[in-house]
Amino acid sequence: MRTFSSIKDLPVYDMSSGKELGKVLDLCFDKMGTVNGLMMDTKGLLKKNKLIPLSQIFSFGADGIMLANEPEEERMTQKLMGMHFLENGQDRIIGKPLVTSEGEKLGLVEDVYFKEELGTIVGYEVTDGFFADMTEGRKIFKSRNPLTIGENVVIVDLKENENR
């Protein structure tokens, strides 16, 4: 299991050529919490972001992400329909309040935990601010239920976890 913050800004390499293709910029997922891929900030003069499907990732290392081969140019607009990102776009979740389906504010989403081998988000790390983080630490909430990503808040249903 990894956090997004542990892979953000890591270099992405093509295993077949040894070439660095860019750096991890964001995580792409659907409302069910399924990770679909990584957004990569490419190198070169015509810098543009590229979506790397999870299926093309060979391994997640401590110092870089390895791809089996360089991803082909694809039209991203069709693939991004219904997709969300952690840090970018209107549907981002980092920095938004995480609220339960019962209306309880848990804090601001700071990071997510995901299982790279399964491609699923399994937990949300929230903060109540710098001083609370220093004294109490950040809190982690786990849920297998889909999120509701609103313009102002992210809603999570934690009911299933109470029965355990």
Protein backbone atom coordinates (compact mmCIF):
# COMPACT_ATOMS: atom_id res chain seq x y z
CA MET A 1 0.00 0.00 0.00
CA ARG A 2 1.25 3.49 -0.89
CA THR A 3 0.27 7.08 -0.45
CA PHE A 4 0.01 9.46 -3.36
CA SER A 5 2.52 11.78 -1.69
CA SER A 6 5.10 8.96 -1.80
CA ILE A 7 4.96 8.78 -5.62
CA LYS A 8 4.30 12.42 -6.50
CA ASP A 9 7.19 13.92 -8.48
CA LEU A 10 8.89 10.52 -8.91
CA PRO A 11 10.50 10.04 -12.32
CA VAL A 12 8.76 7.73 -14.81
CA TYR A 13 11.11 5.49 -16.84
CA ASP A 14 10.70 3.41 -19.98
CA MET A 15 12.26 0.02 -19.16
CA SER A 16 12.97 -0.85 -22.79
CA SER A 17 15.06 2.27 -23.47
CA GLY A 18 16.06 3.46 -19.99
CA LYS A 19 14.73 6.90 -20.90
CA GLU A 20 13.14 9.18 -18.30
CA LEU A 21 9.76 10.16 -19.71
CA GLY A 22 8.62 12.65 -17.08
CA LYS A 23 7.46 12.94 -13.48
CA VAL A 24 4.30 11.84 -11.67
CA LEU A 25 1.92 14.77 -11.47
CA ASP A 26 -1.39 13.34 -10.29
CA LEU A 27 -3.46 10.21 -9.72
CA CYS A 28 -6.48 9.50 -11.93
CA PHE A 29 -9.41 7.55 -10.44
CA ASP A 30 -13.15 7.01 -10.86
CA LYS A 31 -15.90 7.60 -8.31
CA MET A 32 -15.71 3.96 -7.17
CA GLY A 33 -12.13 4.59 -5.99
CA THR A 34 -10.54 2.57 -8.78
CA VAL A 35 -7.19 4.02 -9.80
CA ASN A 36 -7.09 4.22 -13.60
CA GLY A 37 -3.63 5.66 -14.02
CA LEU A 38 -1.15 8.41 -13.38
CA MET A 39 -0.91 11.84 -14.93
CA MET A 40 2.67 12.45 -15.99
CA ASP A 41 4.30 15.81 -16.68
CA THR A 42 6.42 15.06 -19.75
CA LYS A 43 9.91 16.27 -20.50
CA GLY A 44 10.92 18.24 -23.56
CA LEU A 45 10.07 21.46 -25.35
CA LEU A 46 6.40 20.73 -25.93
CA LYS A 47 5.61 19.83 -22.34
CA LYS A 48 2.16 18.37 -22.06
CA ASN A 49 0.62 16.07 -19.53
CA LYS A 50 0.14 12.44 -20.45
CA LEU A 51 -2.16 9.87 -18.88
CA ILE A 52 -0.40 6.58 -18.12
CA PRO A 53 -2.95 3.76 -17.71
CA LEU A 54 -2.32 1.56 -14.67
CA SER A 55 -2.05 -1.45 -17.00
CA GLN A 56 1.11 0.03 -18.58
CA ILE A 57 2.93 0.41 -15.26
CA PHE A 58 5.40 -2.42 -14.68
CA SER A 59 6.38 -1.45 -11.14
CA PHE A 60 6.22 1.24 -8.46
CA GLY A 61 9.66 1.70 -6.93
CA ALA A 62 10.89 3.85 -4.08
CA ASP A 63 12.81 6.05 -6.52
CA GLY A 64 10.81 5.78 -9.74
CA ILE A 65 7.93 4.31 -11.72
CA MET A 66 8.82 1.76 -14.41
CA LEU A 67 6.79 1.34 -17.60
CA ALA A 68 7.13 -1.77 -19.76
CA ASN A 69 7.51 0.56 -22.77
CA GLU A 70 6.86 4.17 -23.71
CA PRO A 71 3.12 4.91 -23.81
CA GLU A 72 1.60 5.67 -27.18
CA GLU A 73 -0.02 9.04 -27.93
CA GLU A 74 -3.73 8.78 -27.23
CA ARG A 75 -6.66 11.13 -27.23
CA MET A 76 -7.15 11.87 -23.56
CA THR A 77 -10.50 13.66 -23.68
CA GLN A 78 -12.47 10.44 -24.20
CA LYS A 79 -10.54 8.55 -21.52
CA LEU A 80 -11.00 11.30 -18.94
CA MET A 81 -14.80 11.30 -19.06
CA GLY A 82 -15.99 10.56 -15.52
CA MET A 83 -12.44 10.56 -14.12
CA HIS A 84 -11.25 12.53 -11.11
CA PHE A 85 -7.84 13.72 -9.99
CA LEU A 86 -6.38 14.23 -6.55
CA GLU A 87 -4.84 17.66 -7.02
CA ASN A 88 -5.90 19.08 -10.37
CA GLY A 89 -9.19 20.10 -11.93
CA GLN A 90 -12.59 21.02 -10.56
CA ASP A 91 -13.21 17.49 -9.24
CA ARG A 92 -9.97 17.33 -7.23
CA ILE A 93 -10.24 15.99 -3.70
CA ILE A 94 -7.05 17.13 -1.94
CA GLY A 95 -7.76 20.24 0.10
CA LYS A 96 -11.53 19.66 0.24
CA PRO A 97 -13.37 18.82 3.46
CA LEU A 98 -14.11 15.10 3.95
CA VAL A 99 -17.64 14.78 5.32
CA THR A 100 -19.46 11.58 6.35
CA SER A 101 -22.87 10.67 4.96
CA GLU A 102 -24.17 11.56 8.45
CA GLY A 103 -22.89 15.14 8.05
CA GLU A 104 -19.81 14.95 10.31
CA LYS A 105 -16.77 16.86 9.04
CA LEU A 106 -13.66 14.70 9.43
CA GLY A 107 -11.07 17.24 8.24
CA LEU A 108 -9.45 18.28 4.97
CA VAL A 109 -8.25 15.57 2.59
CA GLU A 110 -4.45 15.64 2.61
CA ASP A 111 -3.51 12.34 0.93
CA VAL A 112 -4.89 8.97 -0.18
CA TYR A 113 -3.72 5.41 0.39
CA PHE A 114 -3.96 3.04 -2.54
CA LYS A 115 -3.01 -0.52 -3.37
CA GLU A 116 -0.95 -0.36 -6.54
CA GLU A 117 -1.35 -4.08 -7.26
CA LEU A 118 -5.17 -3.85 -7.09
CA GLY A 119 -5.52 -0.28 -8.32
CA THR A 120 -7.90 0.82 -5.58
CA ILE A 121 -7.99 3.69 -3.12
CA VAL A 122 -8.41 2.21 0.36
CA GLY A 123 -8.06 5.18 2.70
CA TYR A 124 -8.08 8.94 3.06
CA GLU A 125 -5.66 10.90 5.22
CA VAL A 126 -7.17 14.06 6.67
CA THR A 127 -5.77 17.04 8.52
CA ASP A 128 -7.32 19.43 11.01
CA GLY A 129 -4.52 21.94 10.49
CA PHE A 130 -0.85 22.27 11.31
CA PHE A 131 -1.16 22.44 15.10
CA ALA A 132 -3.61 19.54 15.29
CA ASP A 133 -1.26 17.49 13.08
CA MET A 134 1.62 18.23 15.46
CA THR A 135 -0.27 17.39 18.63
CA GLU A 136 -2.70 14.66 17.53
CA GLY A 137 -1.32 13.52 14.18
CA ARG A 138 -3.31 13.09 10.99
CA LYS A 139 -6.29 10.76 10.88
CA ILE A 140 -6.86 7.99 8.36
CA PHE A 141 -10.34 6.87 7.33
CA LYS A 142 -10.90 3.69 5.34
CA SER A 143 -13.90 3.03 3.16
CA ARG A 144 -14.77 0.65 0.35
CA ASN A 145 -17.85 2.66 -0.59
CA PRO A 146 -17.83 5.13 -3.48
CA LEU A 147 -17.17 8.81 -2.83
CA THR A 148 -19.42 11.67 -3.72
CA ILE A 149 -17.12 14.38 -5.04
CA GLY A 150 -18.89 17.70 -4.85
CA GLU A 151 -17.86 21.19 -5.74
CA ASN A 152 -17.25 22.06 -2.09
CA VAL A 153 -16.92 18.77 -0.18
CA VAL A 154 -16.10 15.09 -0.57
CA ILE A 155 -18.68 12.79 1.02
CA VAL A 156 -17.75 9.31 2.24
CA ASP A 157 -19.95 6.59 3.74
CA LEU A 158 -18.16 4.99 6.68
CA LYS A 159 -21.13 2.92 7.96
CA GLU A 160 -19.78 -0.41 6.73
CA ASN A 161 -16.64 0.04 8.81
CA GLU A 162 -18.61 0.34 12.08
CA ASN A 163 -19.85 -3.26 11.78
CA ARG A 164 -16.36 -4.73 12.00
